[in-house]
Amino acid sequence: MMEAQESIFHSPEKVVEEKDETNGVIYSNGCNDVKKKIDLMRTMVADEDPACKDIDDSTLRRFLRARDLDVEKASSMLMKYLTWRRTFVPKGSISTSEIPNEIAQNKMFMQGTDKEGRPIAVVFGSRHFTSKGGVDEFKRFLVFALDKLCSRIPDGQEQFTIIGDLEGYGYCNTNVRGYLAALSTLQDYYPERLGKIFIIHAPYIFTTVWRIIYPFIDKNTKKKIIFVENKKLEATLLQDIDESQLPEIYGGKLQLVPIHSA
């Protein structure tokens, strides 16, 4: 499947860019220019919402990078995020009592960090089913999980890593509405949080689903998706994740911990 779909199933391109010394953030326009854009963005959003004046530089940088350093677009994106957050997560966080059906599927785990210090989550696609809670509960589960991951990100780092394991994946696990909701949530409300996602054990039947969702993936996210060949699984993961931080099921030494227990 990997060879047949080479134009779609791809690895990130190698790009040489200038790095900002703060947090290892990548820019191409120079650090001083980025700082000016951060200050301008803070002024713009604070004019609309005074509470925004206290948003840290790291958050503003992430939204700027997500919009290719376009201040107006990044400001609009941030305001949309703040409005969504206040409406969708009015209490500040999602509790397990709000996502019982999703928790019961036991499909997402969190343990260890990669060599860049990014926390690692493992998602088992064969354990995902459309629950009686529907897309709304699934969206709440996404926010619960993403907030958990973000809370584990150490100082000096901004991103997390995901291993998407599709072994045993079948038509009964297909949920295009859910996938598009996940993609929208990640790209619109957690910009530049994804460091890498390794897709492993992808079966042929996943090709159809991938073709549907691929056009909705933005160019920055596409560069972070890596489809891993089965015969190169352990070697590929070990390039980014030390053996001591890799789950046992992939040749490492860590046991997986359900995300709701992490």
C-alpha atoms as a PDB file:
ATOM      1  CA  MET A   1       0.000   0.000   0.000  1.00  0.00           C
ATOM      2  CA  MET A   2       2.821   2.420   0.830  1.00  0.00           C
ATOM      3  CA  GLU A   3       4.379   2.204  -2.634  1.00  0.00           C
ATOM      4  CA  ALA A   4       1.066   2.352  -4.483  1.00  0.00           C
ATOM      5  CA  GLN A   5       0.032   5.539  -2.683  1.00  0.00           C
ATOM      6  CA  GLU A   6       3.418   7.268  -2.699  1.00  0.00           C
ATOM      7  CA  SER A   7       1.937  10.664  -3.579  1.00  0.00           C
ATOM      8  CA  ILE A   8      -0.322  10.613  -0.530  1.00  0.00           C
ATOM      9  CA  PHE A   9       1.427   8.407   2.030  1.00  0.00           C
ATOM     10  CA  HIS A  10       4.561  10.399   2.564  1.00  0.00           C
ATOM     11  CA  SER A  11       7.219  11.458   5.024  1.00  0.00           C
ATOM     12  CA  PRO A  12       8.056  15.048   5.956  1.00  0.00           C
ATOM     13  CA  GLU A  13      10.246  16.915   3.514  1.00  0.00           C
ATOM     14  CA  LYS A  14      13.656  18.015   4.731  1.00  0.00           C
ATOM     15  CA  VAL A  15      13.698  21.804   4.817  1.00  0.00           C
ATOM     16  CA  VAL A  16      16.603  23.984   5.910  1.00  0.00           C
ATOM     17  CA  GLU A  17      15.296  26.979   7.846  1.00  0.00           C
ATOM     18  CA  GLU A  18      16.566  29.564  10.314  1.00  0.00           C
ATOM     19  CA  LYS A  19      15.929  28.815  13.990  1.00  0.00           C
ATOM     20  CA  ASP A  20      14.893  31.231  16.697  1.00  0.00           C
ATOM     21  CA  GLU A  21      16.959  30.523  19.810  1.00  0.00           C
ATOM     22  CA  THR A  22      13.888  30.646  22.053  1.00  0.00           C
ATOM     23  CA  ASN A  23      12.377  27.194  22.464  1.00  0.00           C
ATOM     24  CA  GLY A  24      13.980  26.006  19.235  1.00  0.00           C
ATOM     25  CA  VAL A  25      11.099  27.548  17.289  1.00  0.00           C
ATOM     26  CA  ILE A  26      11.611  27.603  13.525  1.00  0.00           C
ATOM     27  CA  TYR A  27      11.226  30.823  11.556  1.00  0.00           C
ATOM     28  CA  SER A  28      12.414  32.048   8.197  1.00  0.00           C
ATOM     29  CA  ASN A  29      12.113  35.836   8.649  1.00  0.00           C
ATOM     30  CA  GLY A  30      14.528  36.384  11.540  1.00  0.00           C
ATOM     31  CA  CYS A  31      13.984  36.615  15.284  1.00  0.00           C
ATOM     32  CA  ASN A  32      13.596  40.392  15.483  1.00  0.00           C
ATOM     33  CA  ASP A  33      10.877  40.384  12.840  1.00  0.00           C
ATOM     34  CA  VAL A  34       9.012  37.627  14.682  1.00  0.00           C
ATOM     35  CA  LYS A  35       9.200  39.535  17.961  1.00  0.00           C
ATOM     36  CA  LYS A  36       7.717  42.600  16.278  1.00  0.00           C
ATOM     37  CA  LYS A  37       4.893  40.460  14.886  1.00  0.00           C
ATOM     38  CA  ILE A  38       4.227  38.983  18.343  1.00  0.00           C
ATOM     39  CA  ASP A  39       3.974  42.479  19.847  1.00  0.00           C
ATOM     40  CA  LEU A  40       1.708  43.657  17.033  1.00  0.00           C
ATOM     41  CA  MET A  41      -0.489  40.579  17.390  1.00  0.00           C
ATOM     42  CA  ARG A  42      -0.791  41.119  21.138  1.00  0.00           C
ATOM     43  CA  THR A  43      -1.933  44.704  20.550  1.00  0.00           C
ATOM     44  CA  MET A  44      -4.483  43.646  17.935  1.00  0.00           C
ATOM     45  CA  VAL A  45      -6.111  40.909  20.016  1.00  0.00           C
ATOM     46  CA  ALA A  46      -6.019  42.999  23.205  1.00  0.00           C
ATOM     47  CA  ASP A  47      -8.039  45.683  21.409  1.00  0.00           C
ATOM     48  CA  GLU A  48     -10.790  43.105  20.915  1.00  0.00           C
ATOM     49  CA  ASP A  49     -10.391  41.352  24.250  1.00  0.00           C
ATOM     50  CA  PRO A  50      -8.364  43.077  27.027  1.00  0.00           C
ATOM     51  CA  ALA A  51      -7.749  39.693  28.684  1.00  0.00           C
ATOM     52  CA  CYS A  52      -5.520  38.776  25.733  1.00  0.00           C
ATOM     53  CA  LYS A  53      -2.795  41.147  26.887  1.00  0.00           C
ATOM     54  CA  ASP A  54      -1.701  38.457  29.354  1.00  0.00           C
ATOM     55  CA  ILE A  55      -1.313  35.672  26.772  1.00  0.00           C
ATOM     56  CA  ASP A  56       2.271  34.426  26.755  1.00  0.00           C
ATOM     57  CA  ASP A  57       4.609  34.861  23.792  1.00  0.00           C
ATOM     58  CA  SER A  58       4.816  31.100  23.210  1.00  0.00           C
ATOM     59  CA  THR A  59       1.086  30.876  22.499  1.00  0.00           C
ATOM     60  CA  LEU A  60       1.176  33.851  20.157  1.00  0.00           C
ATOM     61  CA  ARG A  61       4.150  32.342  18.315  1.00  0.00           C
ATOM     62  CA  ARG A  62       2.302  29.071  17.776  1.00  0.00           C
ATOM     63  CA  PHE A  63      -0.678  30.828  16.224  1.00  0.00           C
ATOM     64  CA  LEU A  64       1.642  32.962  14.098  1.00  0.00           C
ATOM     65  CA  ARG A  65       3.478  29.897  12.794  1.00  0.00           C
ATOM     66  CA  ALA A  66       0.176  28.214  12.017  1.00  0.00           C
ATOM     67  CA  ARG A  67      -0.671  31.153   9.748  1.00  0.00           C
ATOM     68  CA  ASP A  68       2.791  31.573   8.203  1.00  0.00           C
ATOM     69  CA  LEU A  69       3.530  34.661  10.321  1.00  0.00           C
ATOM     70  CA  ASP A  70       0.529  36.577   8.966  1.00  0.00           C
ATOM     71  CA  VAL A  71      -0.477  38.736  11.941  1.00  0.00           C
ATOM     72  CA  GLU A  72      -4.067  39.396  10.871  1.00  0.00           C
ATOM     73  CA  LYS A  73      -4.805  35.747  10.112  1.00  0.00           C
ATOM     74  CA  ALA A  74      -3.108  34.590  13.303  1.00  0.00           C
ATOM     75  CA  SER A  75      -5.049  37.137  15.379  1.00  0.00           C
ATOM     76  CA  SER A  76      -8.322  35.998  13.841  1.00  0.00           C
ATOM     77  CA  MET A  77      -7.409  32.377  14.537  1.00  0.00           C
ATOM     78  CA  LEU A  78      -6.593  33.142  18.164  1.00  0.00           C
ATOM     79  CA  MET A  79      -9.860  35.021  18.727  1.00  0.00           C
ATOM     80  CA  LYS A  80     -11.775  32.110  17.211  1.00  0.00           C
ATOM     81  CA  TYR A  81      -9.955  29.748  19.571  1.00  0.00           C
ATOM     82  CA  LEU A  82     -10.759  31.844  22.648  1.00  0.00           C
ATOM     83  CA  THR A  83     -14.439  32.025  21.726  1.00  0.00           C
ATOM     84  CA  TRP A  84     -14.540  28.258  21.159  1.00  0.00           C
ATOM     85  CA  ARG A  85     -12.743  27.508  24.412  1.00  0.00           C
ATOM     86  CA  ARG A  86     -15.119  29.585  26.515  1.00  0.00           C
ATOM     87  CA  THR A  87     -18.116  27.910  24.894  1.00  0.00           C
ATOM     88  CA  PHE A  88     -16.930  24.306  24.578  1.00  0.00           C
ATOM     89  CA  VAL A  89     -14.955  24.085  27.821  1.00  0.00           C
ATOM     90  CA  PRO A  90     -16.747  26.546  30.113  1.00  0.00           C
ATOM     91  CA  LYS A  91     -15.363  24.883  33.269  1.00  0.00           C
ATOM     92  CA  GLY A  92     -11.798  25.032  31.962  1.00  0.00           C
ATOM     93  CA  SER A  93     -11.424  21.275  31.512  1.00  0.00           C
ATOM     94  CA  ILE A  94     -13.304  18.147  30.445  1.00  0.00           C
ATOM     95  CA  SER A  95     -13.964  15.567  33.172  1.00  0.00           C
ATOM     96  CA  THR A  96     -14.087  11.790  32.671  1.00  0.00           C
ATOM     97  CA  SER A  97     -17.758  11.871  33.676  1.00  0.00           C
ATOM     98  CA  GLU A  98     -18.458  13.776  30.437  1.00  0.00           C
ATOM     99  CA  ILE A  99     -16.876  11.094  28.211  1.00  0.00           C
ATOM    100  CA  PRO A 100     -17.819   7.687  29.702  1.00  0.00           C
ATOM    101  CA  ASN A 101     -18.399   5.906  26.384  1.00  0.00           C
ATOM    102  CA  GLU A 102     -15.099   7.083  24.926  1.00  0.00           C
ATOM    103  CA  ILE A 103     -13.138   6.181  28.067  1.00  0.00           C
ATOM    104  CA  ALA A 104     -14.668   2.694  28.031  1.00  0.00           C
ATOM    105  CA  GLN A 105     -13.078   1.991  24.623  1.00  0.00           C
ATOM    106  CA  ASN A 106      -9.612   2.226  26.227  1.00  0.00           C
ATOM    107  CA  LYS A 107      -8.057   3.342  22.950  1.00  0.00           C
ATOM    108  CA  MET A 108      -5.576   6.046  23.909  1.00  0.00           C
ATOM    109  CA  PHE A 109      -2.506   5.798  26.127  1.00  0.00           C
ATOM    110  CA  MET A 110       0.237   8.158  27.234  1.00  0.00           C
ATOM    111  CA  GLN A 111       3.713   7.286  28.426  1.00  0.00           C
ATOM    112  CA  GLY A 112       7.265   8.491  27.873  1.00  0.00           C
ATOM    113  CA  THR A 113       8.835  11.288  25.839  1.00  0.00           C
ATOM    114  CA  ASP A 114      10.723  11.372  22.556  1.00  0.00           C
ATOM    115  CA  LYS A 115      14.299  12.586  22.151  1.00  0.00           C
ATOM    116  CA  GLU A 116      13.066  16.177  21.828  1.00  0.00           C
ATOM    117  CA  GLY A 117      11.251  15.941  25.168  1.00  0.00           C
ATOM    118  CA  ARG A 118       7.803  15.737  23.581  1.00  0.00           C
ATOM    119  CA  PRO A 119       5.266  13.587  25.478  1.00  0.00           C
ATOM    120  CA  ILE A 120       4.107  10.503  23.556  1.00  0.00           C
ATOM    121  CA  ALA A 121       0.549   9.272  23.070  1.00  0.00           C
ATOM    122  CA  VAL A 122      -0.419   5.958  21.479  1.00  0.00           C
ATOM    123  CA  VAL A 123      -3.827   5.604  19.805  1.00  0.00           C
ATOM    124  CA  PHE A 124      -5.254   2.224  18.744  1.00  0.00           C
ATOM    125  CA  GLY A 125      -7.537   2.701  15.754  1.00  0.00           C
ATOM    126  CA  SER A 126      -9.090  -0.774  16.046  1.00  0.00           C
ATOM    127  CA  ARG A 127     -10.534   0.182  19.433  1.00  0.00           C
ATOM    128  CA  HIS A 128     -12.375   3.212  18.137  1.00  0.00           C
ATOM    129  CA  PHE A 129     -16.093   2.838  17.475  1.00  0.00           C
ATOM    130  CA  THR A 130     -18.855   5.373  17.026  1.00  0.00           C
ATOM    131  CA  SER A 131     -20.241   5.416  20.555  1.00  0.00           C
ATOM    132  CA  LYS A 132     -23.752   6.229  21.679  1.00  0.00           C
ATOM    133  CA  GLY A 133     -22.372   9.572  22.770  1.00  0.00           C
ATOM    134  CA  GLY A 134     -21.896  10.466  19.109  1.00  0.00           C
ATOM    135  CA  VAL A 135     -19.560  13.059  17.634  1.00  0.00           C
ATOM    136  CA  ASP A 136     -20.172  15.494  20.504  1.00  0.00           C
ATOM    137  CA  GLU A 137     -18.779  13.114  23.101  1.00  0.00           C
ATOM    138  CA  PHE A 138     -15.908  12.243  20.780  1.00  0.00           C
ATOM    139  CA  LYS A 139     -15.034  15.945  20.495  1.00  0.00           C
ATOM    140  CA  ARG A 140     -15.056  16.243  24.285  1.00  0.00           C
ATOM    141  CA  PHE A 141     -12.757  13.221  24.472  1.00  0.00           C
ATOM    142  CA  LEU A 142     -10.388  14.858  21.993  1.00  0.00           C
ATOM    143  CA  VAL A 143     -10.156  17.993  24.119  1.00  0.00           C
ATOM    144  CA  PHE A 144      -9.697  15.900  27.263  1.00  0.00           C
ATOM    145  CA  ALA A 145      -6.849  13.966  25.601  1.00  0.00           C
ATOM    146  CA  LEU A 146      -5.165  16.951  23.956  1.00  0.00           C
ATOM    147  CA  ASP A 147      -5.284  18.952  27.184  1.00  0.00           C
ATOM    148  CA  LYS A 148      -3.700  15.997  29.002  1.00  0.00           C
ATOM    149  CA  LEU A 149      -0.912  15.854  26.451  1.00  0.00           C
ATOM    150  CA  CYS A 150      -0.315  19.599  26.543  1.00  0.00           C
ATOM    151  CA  SER A 151      -0.146  19.543  30.350  1.00  0.00           C
ATOM    152  CA  ARG A 152       2.800  17.114  30.055  1.00  0.00           C
ATOM    153  CA  ILE A 153       4.799  19.299  27.685  1.00  0.00           C
ATOM    154  CA  PRO A 154       7.928  20.490  29.531  1.00  0.00           C
ATOM    155  CA  ASP A 155       9.286  24.026  29.592  1.00  0.00           C
ATOM    156  CA  GLY A 156      11.229  24.800  26.445  1.00  0.00           C
ATOM    157  CA  GLN A 157       9.075  22.470  24.347  1.00  0.00           C
ATOM    158  CA  GLU A 158       5.692  23.135  22.721  1.00  0.00           C
ATOM    159  CA  GLN A 159       4.710  19.904  21.012  1.00  0.00           C
ATOM    160  CA  PHE A 160       3.759  16.260  21.474  1.00  0.00           C
ATOM    161  CA  THR A 161       4.241  13.069  19.463  1.00  0.00           C
ATOM    162  CA  ILE A 162       1.554  10.533  18.535  1.00  0.00           C
ATOM    163  CA  ILE A 163       1.813   6.912  17.444  1.00  0.00           C
ATOM    164  CA  GLY A 164      -1.319   5.905  15.565  1.00  0.00           C
ATOM    165  CA  ASP A 165      -1.510   2.099  15.569  1.00  0.00           C
ATOM    166  CA  LEU A 166      -3.947   0.728  12.967  1.00  0.00           C
ATOM    167  CA  GLU A 167      -3.301  -2.985  13.468  1.00  0.00           C
ATOM    168  CA  GLY A 168      -6.631  -4.811  13.251  1.00  0.00           C
ATOM    169  CA  TYR A 169      -8.386  -1.722  11.854  1.00  0.00           C
ATOM    170  CA  GLY A 170     -11.521  -2.533   9.863  1.00  0.00           C
ATOM    171  CA  TYR A 171     -14.646  -0.989   8.392  1.00  0.00           C
ATOM    172  CA  CYS A 172     -16.347  -1.123  11.798  1.00  0.00           C
ATOM    173  CA  ASN A 173     -13.752   1.343  13.079  1.00  0.00           C
ATOM    174  CA  THR A 174     -14.244   3.831  10.247  1.00  0.00           C
ATOM    175  CA  ASN A 175     -15.647   7.153  11.390  1.00  0.00           C
ATOM    176  CA  VAL A 176     -15.013   9.876   8.809  1.00  0.00           C
ATOM    177  CA  ARG A 177     -17.060  12.476  10.699  1.00  0.00           C
ATOM    178  CA  GLY A 178     -15.040  11.778  13.795  1.00  0.00           C
ATOM    179  CA  TYR A 179     -11.727  11.955  11.921  1.00  0.00           C
ATOM    180  CA  LEU A 180     -12.631  15.297  10.371  1.00  0.00           C
ATOM    181  CA  ALA A 181     -13.700  16.587  13.786  1.00  0.00           C
ATOM    182  CA  ALA A 182     -10.366  15.474  15.235  1.00  0.00           C
ATOM    183  CA  LEU A 183      -8.464  17.131  12.404  1.00  0.00           C
ATOM    184  CA  SER A 184     -10.388  20.378  12.751  1.00  0.00           C
ATOM    185  CA  THR A 185      -9.922  20.447  16.526  1.00  0.00           C
ATOM    186  CA  LEU A 186      -6.193  19.821  16.280  1.00  0.00           C
ATOM    187  CA  GLN A 187      -5.527  22.316  13.486  1.00  0.00           C
ATOM    188  CA  ASP A 188      -7.872  25.104  14.575  1.00  0.00           C
ATOM    189  CA  TYR A 189      -7.544  25.010  18.353  1.00  0.00           C
ATOM    190  CA  TYR A 190      -4.186  23.345  19.073  1.00  0.00           C
ATOM    191  CA  PRO A 191      -1.993  24.865  16.353  1.00  0.00           C
ATOM    192  CA  GLU A 192       1.628  23.758  16.178  1.00  0.00           C
ATOM    193  CA  ARG A 193       1.140  21.332  19.071  1.00  0.00           C
ATOM    194  CA  LEU A 194       1.704  18.250  16.932  1.00  0.00           C
ATOM    195  CA  GLY A 195       5.378  17.449  16.527  1.00  0.00           C
ATOM    196  CA  LYS A 196       5.079  14.164  14.638  1.00  0.00           C
ATOM    197  CA  ILE A 197       2.541  11.430  14.110  1.00  0.00           C
ATOM    198  CA  PHE A 198       3.722   7.955  13.198  1.00  0.00           C
ATOM    199  CA  ILE A 199       1.059   5.884  11.421  1.00  0.00           C
ATOM    200  CA  ILE A 200       1.917   2.212  11.861  1.00  0.00           C
ATOM    201  CA  HIS A 201       0.355  -1.081  10.722  1.00  0.00           C
ATOM    202  CA  ALA A 202      -1.864   0.776   8.236  1.00  0.00           C
ATOM    203  CA  PRO A 203      -4.061  -1.760   6.373  1.00  0.00           C
ATOM    204  CA  TYR A 204      -5.085  -1.422   2.749  1.00  0.00           C
ATOM    205  CA  ILE A 205      -8.696  -0.584   3.657  1.00  0.00           C
ATOM    206  CA  PHE A 206      -7.425   2.606   5.308  1.00  0.00           C
ATOM    207  CA  THR A 207      -6.512   3.937   1.856  1.00  0.00           C
ATOM    208  CA  THR A 208     -10.089   4.982   1.087  1.00  0.00           C
ATOM    209  CA  VAL A 209     -10.479   6.798   4.394  1.00  0.00           C
ATOM    210  CA  TRP A 210      -7.123   8.520   3.936  1.00  0.00           C
ATOM    211  CA  ARG A 211      -8.078   9.798   0.482  1.00  0.00           C
ATOM    212  CA  ILE A 212     -11.201  11.392   1.979  1.00  0.00           C
ATOM    213  CA  ILE A 213      -9.506  13.201   4.828  1.00  0.00           C
ATOM    214  CA  TYR A 214      -6.206  14.054   3.112  1.00  0.00           C
ATOM    215  CA  PRO A 215      -7.492  17.231   1.359  1.00  0.00           C
ATOM    216  CA  PHE A 216      -8.545  18.638   4.744  1.00  0.00           C
ATOM    217  CA  ILE A 217      -5.061  18.359   6.230  1.00  0.00           C
ATOM    218  CA  ASP A 218      -3.132  21.644   6.094  1.00  0.00           C
ATOM    219  CA  LYS A 219       0.336  21.729   4.578  1.00  0.00           C
ATOM    220  CA  ASN A 220       2.128  22.151   7.903  1.00  0.00           C
ATOM    221  CA  THR A 221       0.401  19.105   9.375  1.00  0.00           C
ATOM    222  CA  LYS A 222       1.076  16.981   6.288  1.00  0.00           C
ATOM    223  CA  LYS A 223       4.816  17.415   6.812  1.00  0.00           C
ATOM    224  CA  LYS A 224       4.510  15.857  10.270  1.00  0.00           C
ATOM    225  CA  ILE A 225       2.798  12.622   9.200  1.00  0.00           C
ATOM    226  CA  ILE A 226       4.996   9.564   8.760  1.00  0.00           C
ATOM    227  CA  PHE A 227       3.683   6.232   7.483  1.00  0.00           C
ATOM    228  CA  VAL A 228       5.998   3.531   8.808  1.00  0.00           C
ATOM    229  CA  GLU A 229       6.676   0.247   7.019  1.00  0.00           C
ATOM    230  CA  ASN A 230       6.141  -2.794   9.245  1.00  0.00           C
ATOM    231  CA  LYS A 231       9.637  -4.141   8.619  1.00  0.00           C
ATOM    232  CA  LYS A 232      11.161  -0.811   9.661  1.00  0.00           C
ATOM    233  CA  LEU A 233       8.860  -0.146  12.621  1.00  0.00           C
ATOM    234  CA  GLU A 234      11.216  -0.477  15.567  1.00  0.00           C
ATOM    235  CA  ALA A 235      14.164   1.122  13.762  1.00  0.00           C
ATOM    236  CA  THR A 236      12.065   4.106  12.658  1.00  0.00           C
ATOM    237  CA  LEU A 237      10.606   4.741  16.102  1.00  0.00           C
ATOM    238  CA  LEU A 238      14.024   4.412  17.757  1.00  0.00           C
ATOM    239  CA  GLN A 239      15.329   7.247  15.586  1.00  0.00           C
ATOM    240  CA  ASP A 240      13.063   9.629  17.508  1.00  0.00           C
ATOM    241  CA  ILE A 241      12.355   7.743  20.741  1.00  0.00           C
ATOM    242  CA  ASP A 242      14.918   6.214  23.076  1.00  0.00           C
ATOM    243  CA  GLU A 243      14.389   2.558  23.979  1.00  0.00           C
ATOM    244  CA  SER A 244      13.817   3.530  27.611  1.00  0.00           C
ATOM    245  CA  GLN A 245      10.887   5.751  26.525  1.00  0.00           C
ATOM    246  CA  LEU A 246       9.376   3.468  23.893  1.00  0.00           C
ATOM    247  CA  PRO A 247       6.387   1.244  24.784  1.00  0.00           C
ATOM    248  CA  GLU A 248       7.165  -2.444  25.274  1.00  0.00           C
ATOM    249  CA  ILE A 249       4.877  -3.466  22.427  1.00  0.00           C
ATOM    250  CA  TYR A 250       7.218  -1.679  20.005  1.00  0.00           C
ATOM    251  CA  GLY A 251      10.448  -3.044  21.434  1.00  0.00           C
ATOM    252  CA  GLY A 252      10.920  -0.523  24.234  1.00  0.00           C
ATOM    253  CA  LYS A 253      10.784  -0.706  28.013  1.00  0.00           C
ATOM    254  CA  LEU A 254       7.699   1.275  29.064  1.00  0.00           C
ATOM    255  CA  GLN A 255       4.258  -0.040  29.833  1.00  0.00           C
ATOM    256  CA  LEU A 256       1.350   1.874  28.378  1.00  0.00           C
ATOM    257  CA  VAL A 257      -0.862   3.894  30.730  1.00  0.00           C
ATOM    258  CA  PRO A 258      -4.472   4.756  29.753  1.00  0.00           C
ATOM    259  CA  ILE A 259      -4.680   8.475  29.149  1.00  0.00           C
ATOM    260  CA  HIS A 260      -7.468   8.891  31.706  1.00  0.00           C
ATOM    261  CA  SER A 261      -5.160   7.350  34.341  1.00  0.00           C
ATOM    262  CA  ALA A 262      -1.988   9.186  33.322  1.00  0.00           C
END
